[in-house]
Amino acid sequence: MVRVSEHIIRHDDGTSTGVWGIYTLQSAFQPIFAFKEGKLSVAAFEGLIRPFRDGEPQSPVTFFGTCPAADRLHIEALTRTLHLLNAGACLPQEASIFVNFDPSVFTDRHIADKALRDMRLVLHEAGIDPRRIVCEVTEQKSASQETLYAFVEALRANGFRVAVDDYGADDSDITRIKELKPDIVKFDAHWITRLMESGAGFALLTAMVQSFEDQGIRTVFEGIEEGWQLELAERSGASMVQGYVLARPELALTSFRVFGEVAQPSAEESKAQVAASPAPAPQARPARAFGRKVAP
């Protein structure tokens, strides 16, 4: 039986790293910003794993691709544990923490209950209130719909919020929202960008955001990389935004507590910071003319 604690190295600065085979694993966190009265403020952070081999960074896709299916449950537990321990050491105490869950590894309620019991012990050690945790249910297939529903109910029973990841308005996505009734929906970055490139697409995007808000579901636009996208995200009514235009993921050695101590820029200031960046030609990005203000 694999003990997650045996794969964790704790450091004097309060952070932790993981070891799995030839890989060293570190936590990175990317801020998620909320729109509030014309300003952007950090509302949450998403935990992302960063593998290293012989000191050189590796793609997470490469790392997970080399892991046997039989180890996936244990690796998932290890990466979540790392994120939570490092969140307790590095993140502002008021920020929410997004962590990923692959529903395909929770094949029955017993496995889910044990994983969540272990997670609560880690939260207690890290000094994190369970209500700060947002569990991102990724798009991997679960053993059955009943298993998925039971897993989501177990998350809620432990006091966690639930987010659906990579929403793209396919029929399966819409059904998933109706059945899981998440607290938060994270919109797929490529799908958002496509819709933003036309007036009709943006109108559909805005209507979907409003529909979710009417149901008490908050929305996150992922992959926001340019100023015009940030402006349209704000105009659409999206609750939160995440992307390189605002902040890149940083390793947990960084003290993110500064986000809780300094005033955040307004949405206009954030857009101004990227306004000088090279922009694609209007014919390549119709949304630039549609969504981006001309600088005075």
C-alpha atoms as a PDB file:
ATOM      1  CA  MET A   1       0.000   0.000   0.000  1.00  0.00           C
ATOM      2  CA  VAL A   2       1.376   3.405  -1.027  1.00  0.00           C
ATOM      3  CA  ARG A   3       1.800   5.979   1.744  1.00  0.00           C
ATOM      4  CA  VAL A   4       1.741   9.493   0.323  1.00  0.00           C
ATOM      5  CA  SER A   5       3.800  10.860   3.224  1.00  0.00           C
ATOM      6  CA  GLU A   6       6.749   8.690   2.132  1.00  0.00           C
ATOM      7  CA  HIS A   7       6.881  10.601  -1.171  1.00  0.00           C
ATOM      8  CA  ILE A   8       6.951  14.092   0.380  1.00  0.00           C
ATOM      9  CA  ILE A   9      10.006  16.132   1.341  1.00  0.00           C
ATOM     10  CA  ARG A  10       9.432  19.030   3.719  1.00  0.00           C
ATOM     11  CA  HIS A  11      11.737  22.045   3.565  1.00  0.00           C
ATOM     12  CA  ASP A  12      12.835  24.573   6.165  1.00  0.00           C
ATOM     13  CA  ASP A  13      10.981  27.408   4.406  1.00  0.00           C
ATOM     14  CA  GLY A  14       7.663  25.632   5.001  1.00  0.00           C
ATOM     15  CA  THR A  15       7.197  24.362   1.451  1.00  0.00           C
ATOM     16  CA  SER A  16       7.084  20.730   0.351  1.00  0.00           C
ATOM     17  CA  THR A  17       8.126  18.814  -2.754  1.00  0.00           C
ATOM     18  CA  GLY A  18       7.248  15.326  -3.902  1.00  0.00           C
ATOM     19  CA  VAL A  19       9.254  12.459  -5.309  1.00  0.00           C
ATOM     20  CA  TRP A  20       7.830   9.831  -7.644  1.00  0.00           C
ATOM     21  CA  GLY A  21      10.323   7.540  -9.307  1.00  0.00           C
ATOM     22  CA  ILE A  22      12.819   9.646 -11.264  1.00  0.00           C
ATOM     23  CA  TYR A  23      10.690  12.781 -10.942  1.00  0.00           C
ATOM     24  CA  THR A  24      10.700  15.580  -8.402  1.00  0.00           C
ATOM     25  CA  LEU A  25       7.310  17.300  -8.154  1.00  0.00           C
ATOM     26  CA  GLN A  26       6.678  20.917  -7.198  1.00  0.00           C
ATOM     27  CA  SER A  27       3.497  22.925  -6.771  1.00  0.00           C
ATOM     28  CA  ALA A  28       2.831  25.985  -8.878  1.00  0.00           C
ATOM     29  CA  PHE A  29      -0.099  28.314  -8.246  1.00  0.00           C
ATOM     30  CA  GLN A  30      -1.862  30.570 -10.727  1.00  0.00           C
ATOM     31  CA  PRO A  31      -4.047  33.383  -9.374  1.00  0.00           C
ATOM     32  CA  ILE A  32      -7.703  33.631 -10.370  1.00  0.00           C
ATOM     33  CA  PHE A  33      -9.051  37.182 -10.362  1.00  0.00           C
ATOM     34  CA  ALA A  34     -12.576  38.396  -9.642  1.00  0.00           C
ATOM     35  CA  PHE A  35     -14.264  41.466 -11.093  1.00  0.00           C
ATOM     36  CA  LYS A  36     -15.595  43.754  -8.388  1.00  0.00           C
ATOM     37  CA  GLU A  37     -16.725  47.352  -8.876  1.00  0.00           C
ATOM     38  CA  GLY A  38     -14.456  47.896 -11.857  1.00  0.00           C
ATOM     39  CA  LYS A  39     -11.391  46.426 -10.157  1.00  0.00           C
ATOM     40  CA  LEU A  40      -9.681  43.063 -10.232  1.00  0.00           C
ATOM     41  CA  SER A  41      -8.849  41.285  -7.007  1.00  0.00           C
ATOM     42  CA  VAL A  42      -7.320  37.868  -6.373  1.00  0.00           C
ATOM     43  CA  ALA A  43     -10.098  35.517  -5.307  1.00  0.00           C
ATOM     44  CA  ALA A  44      -8.415  32.138  -5.661  1.00  0.00           C
ATOM     45  CA  PHE A  45      -5.414  30.150  -6.814  1.00  0.00           C
ATOM     46  CA  GLU A  46      -5.279  26.974  -8.891  1.00  0.00           C
ATOM     47  CA  GLY A  47      -2.734  24.322  -7.924  1.00  0.00           C
ATOM     48  CA  LEU A  48      -0.731  22.972 -10.872  1.00  0.00           C
ATOM     49  CA  ILE A  49       1.947  20.282 -10.753  1.00  0.00           C
ATOM     50  CA  ARG A  50       5.422  20.947 -12.158  1.00  0.00           C
ATOM     51  CA  PRO A  51       7.589  17.820 -12.680  1.00  0.00           C
ATOM     52  CA  PHE A  52      11.395  17.932 -12.842  1.00  0.00           C
ATOM     53  CA  ARG A  53      13.854  15.239 -13.941  1.00  0.00           C
ATOM     54  CA  ASP A  54      17.526  15.638 -13.048  1.00  0.00           C
ATOM     55  CA  GLY A  55      16.762  19.267 -12.236  1.00  0.00           C
ATOM     56  CA  GLU A  56      15.244  19.980 -15.668  1.00  0.00           C
ATOM     57  CA  PRO A  57      11.557  20.917 -16.012  1.00  0.00           C
ATOM     58  CA  GLN A  58       9.347  18.386 -17.764  1.00  0.00           C
ATOM     59  CA  SER A  59       5.907  18.663 -19.292  1.00  0.00           C
ATOM     60  CA  PRO A  60       3.115  17.539 -16.937  1.00  0.00           C
ATOM     61  CA  VAL A  61       1.670  15.648 -19.918  1.00  0.00           C
ATOM     62  CA  THR A  62       4.955  13.737 -20.243  1.00  0.00           C
ATOM     63  CA  PHE A  63       5.025  12.940 -16.543  1.00  0.00           C
ATOM     64  CA  PHE A  64       1.441  11.710 -16.335  1.00  0.00           C
ATOM     65  CA  GLY A  65       1.902   9.805 -19.610  1.00  0.00           C
ATOM     66  CA  THR A  66       4.698   7.732 -18.060  1.00  0.00           C
ATOM     67  CA  CYS A  67       2.649   6.803 -14.975  1.00  0.00           C
ATOM     68  CA  PRO A  68       0.953   3.392 -15.054  1.00  0.00           C
ATOM     69  CA  ALA A  69      -2.812   3.505 -14.677  1.00  0.00           C
ATOM     70  CA  ALA A  70      -2.511   1.537 -11.438  1.00  0.00           C
ATOM     71  CA  ASP A  71      -0.509   4.400  -9.886  1.00  0.00           C
ATOM     72  CA  ARG A  72      -2.821   7.220 -10.938  1.00  0.00           C
ATOM     73  CA  LEU A  73      -4.901   7.249  -7.752  1.00  0.00           C
ATOM     74  CA  HIS A  74      -1.772   7.550  -5.591  1.00  0.00           C
ATOM     75  CA  ILE A  75      -0.222  10.232  -7.802  1.00  0.00           C
ATOM     76  CA  GLU A  76      -3.442  12.231  -7.670  1.00  0.00           C
ATOM     77  CA  ALA A  77      -3.349  12.038  -3.877  1.00  0.00           C
ATOM     78  CA  LEU A  78       0.305  13.087  -3.841  1.00  0.00           C
ATOM     79  CA  THR A  79      -0.212  16.129  -6.074  1.00  0.00           C
ATOM     80  CA  ARG A  80      -3.243  17.316  -4.086  1.00  0.00           C
ATOM     81  CA  THR A  81      -1.360  16.862  -0.817  1.00  0.00           C
ATOM     82  CA  LEU A  82       1.543  18.925  -2.154  1.00  0.00           C
ATOM     83  CA  HIS A  83      -0.769  21.708  -3.294  1.00  0.00           C
ATOM     84  CA  LEU A  84      -2.566  21.861   0.045  1.00  0.00           C
ATOM     85  CA  LEU A  85       0.600  21.828   2.149  1.00  0.00           C
ATOM     86  CA  ASN A  86       2.139  24.543  -0.022  1.00  0.00           C
ATOM     87  CA  ALA A  87      -1.079  26.546  -0.050  1.00  0.00           C
ATOM     88  CA  GLY A  88      -0.999  26.598   3.734  1.00  0.00           C
ATOM     89  CA  ALA A  89       2.592  27.872   3.620  1.00  0.00           C
ATOM     90  CA  CYS A  90       2.327  30.389   0.764  1.00  0.00           C
ATOM     91  CA  LEU A  91      -1.182  31.602  -0.009  1.00  0.00           C
ATOM     92  CA  PRO A  92      -3.313  34.371   1.540  1.00  0.00           C
ATOM     93  CA  GLN A  93      -5.643  32.898   4.134  1.00  0.00           C
ATOM     94  CA  GLU A  94      -8.767  34.363   2.527  1.00  0.00           C
ATOM     95  CA  ALA A  95      -8.114  32.924  -0.964  1.00  0.00           C
ATOM     96  CA  SER A  96      -9.933  29.898  -2.317  1.00  0.00           C
ATOM     97  CA  ILE A  97      -7.845  26.993  -3.597  1.00  0.00           C
ATOM     98  CA  PHE A  98      -8.733  25.068  -6.764  1.00  0.00           C
ATOM     99  CA  VAL A  99      -7.489  21.459  -6.901  1.00  0.00           C
ATOM    100  CA  ASN A 100      -8.114  18.914  -9.652  1.00  0.00           C
ATOM    101  CA  PHE A 101      -9.884  15.590  -9.254  1.00  0.00           C
ATOM    102  CA  ASP A 102      -9.870  12.970 -11.996  1.00  0.00           C
ATOM    103  CA  PRO A 103     -13.220  11.184 -11.538  1.00  0.00           C
ATOM    104  CA  SER A 104     -12.016   8.108 -13.436  1.00  0.00           C
ATOM    105  CA  VAL A 105      -9.807   6.981 -10.523  1.00  0.00           C
ATOM    106  CA  PHE A 106     -12.641   6.971  -7.971  1.00  0.00           C
ATOM    107  CA  THR A 107     -14.270   3.756  -9.025  1.00  0.00           C
ATOM    108  CA  ASP A 108     -16.376   3.298  -5.902  1.00  0.00           C
ATOM    109  CA  ARG A 109     -17.523   5.234  -2.840  1.00  0.00           C
ATOM    110  CA  HIS A 110     -15.027   3.503  -0.522  1.00  0.00           C
ATOM    111  CA  ILE A 111     -12.064   4.830  -2.533  1.00  0.00           C
ATOM    112  CA  ALA A 112     -13.547   8.323  -2.619  1.00  0.00           C
ATOM    113  CA  ASP A 113     -14.312   8.365   1.109  1.00  0.00           C
ATOM    114  CA  LYS A 114     -10.767   7.297   2.015  1.00  0.00           C
ATOM    115  CA  ALA A 115      -9.217   9.888  -0.297  1.00  0.00           C
ATOM    116  CA  LEU A 116     -11.371  12.640   1.189  1.00  0.00           C
ATOM    117  CA  ARG A 117     -10.634  11.563   4.774  1.00  0.00           C
ATOM    118  CA  ASP A 118      -6.927  11.758   3.998  1.00  0.00           C
ATOM    119  CA  MET A 119      -7.438  15.138   2.374  1.00  0.00           C
ATOM    120  CA  ARG A 120      -9.173  16.530   5.443  1.00  0.00           C
ATOM    121  CA  LEU A 121      -6.230  15.424   7.594  1.00  0.00           C
ATOM    122  CA  VAL A 122      -3.883  17.320   5.265  1.00  0.00           C
ATOM    123  CA  LEU A 123      -6.125  20.396   5.443  1.00  0.00           C
ATOM    124  CA  HIS A 124      -6.029  20.231   9.234  1.00  0.00           C
ATOM    125  CA  GLU A 125      -2.231  20.032   9.189  1.00  0.00           C
ATOM    126  CA  ALA A 126      -2.000  22.921   6.719  1.00  0.00           C
ATOM    127  CA  GLY A 127      -4.464  25.060   8.695  1.00  0.00           C
ATOM    128  CA  ILE A 128      -6.879  25.395   5.754  1.00  0.00           C
ATOM    129  CA  ASP A 129     -10.639  25.662   6.199  1.00  0.00           C
ATOM    130  CA  PRO A 130     -12.334  23.047   3.935  1.00  0.00           C
ATOM    131  CA  ARG A 131     -14.716  25.766   2.746  1.00  0.00           C
ATOM    132  CA  ARG A 132     -11.804  27.361   0.887  1.00  0.00           C
ATOM    133  CA  ILE A 133     -11.398  24.288  -1.311  1.00  0.00           C
ATOM    134  CA  VAL A 134     -12.883  24.137  -4.811  1.00  0.00           C
ATOM    135  CA  CYS A 135     -12.681  20.664  -6.332  1.00  0.00           C
ATOM    136  CA  GLU A 136     -12.331  20.815 -10.117  1.00  0.00           C
ATOM    137  CA  VAL A 137     -13.935  17.736 -11.629  1.00  0.00           C
ATOM    138  CA  THR A 138     -11.996  17.188 -14.839  1.00  0.00           C
ATOM    139  CA  GLU A 139     -13.476  15.836 -18.038  1.00  0.00           C
ATOM    140  CA  GLN A 140     -12.151  12.257 -17.777  1.00  0.00           C
ATOM    141  CA  LYS A 141     -14.849   9.620 -17.866  1.00  0.00           C
ATOM    142  CA  SER A 142     -15.924   8.080 -14.580  1.00  0.00           C
ATOM    143  CA  ALA A 143     -16.772   4.408 -14.136  1.00  0.00           C
ATOM    144  CA  SER A 144     -20.478   5.300 -14.409  1.00  0.00           C
ATOM    145  CA  GLN A 145     -22.769   8.266 -14.027  1.00  0.00           C
ATOM    146  CA  GLU A 146     -23.911   6.918 -10.660  1.00  0.00           C
ATOM    147  CA  THR A 147     -20.288   6.719  -9.491  1.00  0.00           C
ATOM    148  CA  LEU A 148     -19.713  10.312 -10.600  1.00  0.00           C
ATOM    149  CA  TYR A 149     -22.823  11.578  -8.787  1.00  0.00           C
ATOM    150  CA  ALA A 150     -21.821   9.730  -5.623  1.00  0.00           C
ATOM    151  CA  PHE A 151     -18.322  11.200  -5.828  1.00  0.00           C
ATOM    152  CA  VAL A 152     -19.620  14.755  -6.203  1.00  0.00           C
ATOM    153  CA  GLU A 153     -21.990  14.251  -3.285  1.00  0.00           C
ATOM    154  CA  ALA A 154     -19.051  12.999  -1.201  1.00  0.00           C
ATOM    155  CA  LEU A 155     -17.154  16.203  -2.054  1.00  0.00           C
ATOM    156  CA  ARG A 156     -20.075  18.299  -0.871  1.00  0.00           C
ATOM    157  CA  ALA A 157     -20.557  16.209   2.263  1.00  0.00           C
ATOM    158  CA  ASN A 158     -16.974  17.066   3.219  1.00  0.00           C
ATOM    159  CA  GLY A 159     -17.672  20.785   2.917  1.00  0.00           C
ATOM    160  CA  PHE A 160     -15.947  21.336  -0.430  1.00  0.00           C
ATOM    161  CA  ARG A 161     -17.262  23.348  -3.360  1.00  0.00           C
ATOM    162  CA  VAL A 162     -17.472  21.756  -6.806  1.00  0.00           C
ATOM    163  CA  ALA A 163     -16.318  23.169 -10.137  1.00  0.00           C
ATOM    164  CA  VAL A 164     -16.780  21.676 -13.595  1.00  0.00           C
ATOM    165  CA  ASP A 165     -13.671  22.160 -15.748  1.00  0.00           C
ATOM    166  CA  ASP A 166     -13.289  22.805 -19.495  1.00  0.00           C
ATOM    167  CA  TYR A 167     -16.908  23.680 -20.199  1.00  0.00           C
ATOM    168  CA  GLY A 168     -17.495  24.053 -23.940  1.00  0.00           C
ATOM    169  CA  ALA A 169     -21.276  23.891 -24.414  1.00  0.00           C
ATOM    170  CA  ASP A 170     -21.343  20.488 -26.069  1.00  0.00           C
ATOM    171  CA  ASP A 171     -24.462  18.479 -25.286  1.00  0.00           C
ATOM    172  CA  SER A 172     -22.458  16.370 -22.830  1.00  0.00           C
ATOM    173  CA  ASP A 173     -21.225  19.502 -21.062  1.00  0.00           C
ATOM    174  CA  ILE A 174     -24.703  20.939 -20.689  1.00  0.00           C
ATOM    175  CA  THR A 175     -25.967  17.625 -19.313  1.00  0.00           C
ATOM    176  CA  ARG A 176     -23.058  17.509 -16.881  1.00  0.00           C
ATOM    177  CA  ILE A 177     -23.973  20.952 -15.527  1.00  0.00           C
ATOM    178  CA  LYS A 178     -27.628  20.019 -15.116  1.00  0.00           C
ATOM    179  CA  GLU A 179     -26.824  16.789 -13.307  1.00  0.00           C
ATOM    180  CA  LEU A 180     -23.885  17.863 -11.118  1.00  0.00           C
ATOM    181  CA  LYS A 181     -25.197  21.344 -10.240  1.00  0.00           C
ATOM    182  CA  PRO A 182     -21.690  22.737  -9.610  1.00  0.00           C
ATOM    183  CA  ASP A 183     -20.910  25.877  -7.655  1.00  0.00           C
ATOM    184  CA  ILE A 184     -18.519  27.086 -10.373  1.00  0.00           C
ATOM    185  CA  VAL A 185     -18.105  26.469 -14.113  1.00  0.00           C
ATOM    186  CA  LYS A 186     -14.712  27.019 -15.766  1.00  0.00           C
ATOM    187  CA  PHE A 187     -15.110  27.817 -19.456  1.00  0.00           C
ATOM    188  CA  ASP A 188     -12.687  26.231 -21.940  1.00  0.00           C
ATOM    189  CA  ALA A 189     -10.133  28.774 -23.189  1.00  0.00           C
ATOM    190  CA  HIS A 190     -10.280  27.842 -26.892  1.00  0.00           C
ATOM    191  CA  TRP A 191     -14.062  27.841 -26.929  1.00  0.00           C
ATOM    192  CA  ILE A 192     -14.203  31.268 -25.263  1.00  0.00           C
ATOM    193  CA  THR A 193     -11.780  32.732 -27.791  1.00  0.00           C
ATOM    194  CA  ARG A 194     -13.799  31.404 -30.736  1.00  0.00           C
ATOM    195  CA  LEU A 195     -17.003  32.954 -29.386  1.00  0.00           C
ATOM    196  CA  MET A 196     -15.309  36.272 -28.701  1.00  0.00           C
ATOM    197  CA  GLU A 197     -14.313  36.593 -32.356  1.00  0.00           C
ATOM    198  CA  SER A 198     -17.801  37.612 -33.490  1.00  0.00           C
ATOM    199  CA  GLY A 199     -20.654  39.683 -32.174  1.00  0.00           C
ATOM    200  CA  ALA A 200     -23.060  36.733 -32.377  1.00  0.00           C
ATOM    201  CA  GLY A 201     -20.630  34.486 -30.539  1.00  0.00           C
ATOM    202  CA  PHE A 202     -20.098  37.039 -27.803  1.00  0.00           C
ATOM    203  CA  ALA A 203     -23.860  37.451 -27.394  1.00  0.00           C
ATOM    204  CA  LEU A 204     -24.189  33.676 -26.921  1.00  0.00           C
ATOM    205  CA  LEU A 205     -21.339  33.679 -24.402  1.00  0.00           C
ATOM    206  CA  THR A 206     -22.949  36.499 -22.434  1.00  0.00           C
ATOM    207  CA  ALA A 207     -26.301  34.712 -22.407  1.00  0.00           C
ATOM    208  CA  MET A 208     -24.709  31.536 -21.079  1.00  0.00           C
ATOM    209  CA  VAL A 209     -22.901  33.433 -18.323  1.00  0.00           C
ATOM    210  CA  GLN A 210     -26.171  35.080 -17.325  1.00  0.00           C
ATOM    211  CA  SER A 211     -27.963  31.735 -17.353  1.00  0.00           C
ATOM    212  CA  PHE A 212     -25.414  30.268 -14.952  1.00  0.00           C
ATOM    213  CA  GLU A 213     -25.519  33.340 -12.717  1.00  0.00           C
ATOM    214  CA  ASP A 214     -29.317  33.034 -12.547  1.00  0.00           C
ATOM    215  CA  GLN A 215     -28.799  29.486 -11.233  1.00  0.00           C
ATOM    216  CA  GLY A 216     -26.320  30.677  -8.592  1.00  0.00           C
ATOM    217  CA  ILE A 217     -23.347  29.262 -10.511  1.00  0.00           C
ATOM    218  CA  ARG A 218     -20.223  31.419 -10.725  1.00  0.00           C
ATOM    219  CA  THR A 219     -18.147  31.418 -13.902  1.00  0.00           C
ATOM    220  CA  VAL A 220     -14.411  31.456 -14.633  1.00  0.00           C
ATOM    221  CA  PHE A 221     -12.930  32.322 -18.034  1.00  0.00           C
ATOM    222  CA  GLU A 222      -9.632  30.448 -18.441  1.00  0.00           C
ATOM    223  CA  GLY A 223      -6.739  31.175 -20.795  1.00  0.00           C
ATOM    224  CA  ILE A 224      -7.179  34.956 -20.991  1.00  0.00           C
ATOM    225  CA  GLU A 225      -3.989  36.076 -22.706  1.00  0.00           C
ATOM    226  CA  GLU A 226      -4.771  39.433 -24.333  1.00  0.00           C
ATOM    227  CA  GLY A 227      -6.269  42.717 -23.234  1.00  0.00           C
ATOM    228  CA  TRP A 228      -9.249  42.577 -25.594  1.00  0.00           C
ATOM    229  CA  GLN A 229     -10.208  39.182 -24.135  1.00  0.00           C
ATOM    230  CA  LEU A 230     -10.074  40.611 -20.629  1.00  0.00           C
ATOM    231  CA  GLU A 231     -12.341  43.476 -21.648  1.00  0.00           C
ATOM    232  CA  LEU A 232     -14.880  41.139 -23.213  1.00  0.00           C
ATOM    233  CA  ALA A 233     -14.760  38.842 -20.189  1.00  0.00           C
ATOM    234  CA  GLU A 234     -15.715  41.788 -18.002  1.00  0.00           C
ATOM    235  CA  ARG A 235     -18.475  42.882 -20.401  1.00  0.00           C
ATOM    236  CA  SER A 236     -19.888  39.347 -20.538  1.00  0.00           C
ATOM    237  CA  GLY A 237     -20.527  39.362 -16.788  1.00  0.00           C
ATOM    238  CA  ALA A 238     -18.052  36.547 -16.016  1.00  0.00           C
ATOM    239  CA  SER A 239     -17.394  36.226 -12.288  1.00  0.00           C
ATOM    240  CA  MET A 240     -13.666  35.483 -12.545  1.00  0.00           C
ATOM    241  CA  VAL A 241     -10.788  35.350 -15.018  1.00  0.00           C
ATOM    242  CA  GLN A 242      -7.532  33.415 -15.189  1.00  0.00           C
ATOM    243  CA  GLY A 243      -4.686  33.709 -17.661  1.00  0.00           C
ATOM    244  CA  TYR A 244      -1.250  34.956 -18.615  1.00  0.00           C
ATOM    245  CA  VAL A 245      -2.470  38.494 -19.266  1.00  0.00           C
ATOM    246  CA  LEU A 246      -2.901  38.822 -15.492  1.00  0.00           C
ATOM    247  CA  ALA A 247      -0.495  36.330 -13.891  1.00  0.00           C
ATOM    248  CA  ARG A 248       1.436  33.209 -14.817  1.00  0.00           C
ATOM    249  CA  PRO A 249       1.736  30.166 -12.547  1.00  0.00           C
ATOM    250  CA  GLU A 250       4.636  30.447 -10.109  1.00  0.00           C
ATOM    251  CA  LEU A 251       6.353  27.792  -8.037  1.00  0.00           C
ATOM    252  CA  ALA A 252       5.382  27.617  -4.394  1.00  0.00           C
ATOM    253  CA  LEU A 253       8.692  29.068  -3.236  1.00  0.00           C
ATOM    254  CA  THR A 254       7.115  32.417  -4.112  1.00  0.00           C
ATOM    255  CA  SER A 255       5.193  34.046  -1.285  1.00  0.00           C
ATOM    256  CA  PHE A 256       1.765  34.724  -2.735  1.00  0.00           C
ATOM    257  CA  ARG A 257       0.623  36.375   0.483  1.00  0.00           C
ATOM    258  CA  VAL A 258       1.487  39.695  -1.129  1.00  0.00           C
ATOM    259  CA  PHE A 259      -1.724  39.348  -3.147  1.00  0.00           C
ATOM    260  CA  GLY A 260      -3.652  39.741   0.065  1.00  0.00           C
ATOM    261  CA  GLU A 261      -1.718  42.829   1.142  1.00  0.00           C
ATOM    262  CA  VAL A 262      -1.559  45.179  -1.846  1.00  0.00           C
ATOM    263  CA  ALA A 263      -4.249  46.876  -3.869  1.00  0.00           C
ATOM    264  CA  GLN A 264      -4.964  45.158  -7.159  1.00  0.00           C
ATOM    265  CA  PRO A 265      -5.150  47.035 -10.465  1.00  0.00           C
ATOM    266  CA  SER A 266      -8.457  47.974 -11.978  1.00  0.00           C
ATOM    267  CA  ALA A 267      -9.595  46.072 -15.020  1.00  0.00           C
ATOM    268  CA  GLU A 268      -8.812  49.146 -17.109  1.00  0.00           C
ATOM    269  CA  GLU A 269      -5.269  49.328 -15.697  1.00  0.00           C
ATOM    270  CA  SER A 270      -4.717  45.651 -16.407  1.00  0.00           C
ATOM    271  CA  LYS A 271      -5.869  46.115 -19.991  1.00  0.00           C
ATOM    272  CA  ALA A 272      -3.630  49.157 -20.358  1.00  0.00           C
ATOM    273  CA  GLN A 273      -0.618  47.120 -19.299  1.00  0.00           C
ATOM    274  CA  VAL A 274      -1.042  44.845 -22.298  1.00  0.00           C
ATOM    275  CA  ALA A 275      -2.368  47.411 -24.764  1.00  0.00           C
ATOM    276  CA  ALA A 276       1.137  47.998 -26.123  1.00  0.00           C
ATOM    277  CA  SER A 277       1.664  44.312 -26.831  1.00  0.00           C
ATOM    278  CA  PRO A 278       1.620  43.286 -30.503  1.00  0.00           C
ATOM    279  CA  ALA A 279      -1.916  42.412 -31.566  1.00  0.00           C
ATOM    280  CA  PRO A 280      -2.969  40.174 -34.439  1.00  0.00           C
ATOM    281  CA  ALA A 281      -4.362  41.776 -37.549  1.00  0.00           C
ATOM    282  CA  PRO A 282      -8.107  42.510 -37.488  1.00  0.00           C
ATOM    283  CA  GLN A 283      -8.800  39.938 -40.183  1.00  0.00           C
ATOM    284  CA  ALA A 284      -7.148  37.266 -38.038  1.00  0.00           C
ATOM    285  CA  ARG A 285      -8.938  38.367 -34.868  1.00  0.00           C
ATOM    286  CA  PRO A 286     -12.279  39.999 -35.700  1.00  0.00           C
ATOM    287  CA  ALA A 287     -12.914  40.394 -31.967  1.00  0.00           C
ATOM    288  CA  ARG A 288     -10.123  42.931 -31.680  1.00  0.00           C
ATOM    289  CA  ALA A 289     -12.181  45.574 -33.442  1.00  0.00           C
ATOM    290  CA  PHE A 290     -15.329  44.382 -31.715  1.00  0.00           C
ATOM    291  CA  GLY A 291     -14.081  44.208 -28.177  1.00  0.00           C
ATOM    292  CA  ARG A 292     -11.012  46.343 -27.668  1.00  0.00           C
ATOM    293  CA  LYS A 293     -11.120  50.063 -27.035  1.00  0.00           C
ATOM    294  CA  VAL A 294      -8.844  52.335 -29.063  1.00  0.00           C
ATOM    295  CA  ALA A 295      -6.241  53.999 -26.859  1.00  0.00           C
ATOM    296  CA  PRO A 296      -6.663  57.788 -26.680  1.00  0.00           C
END
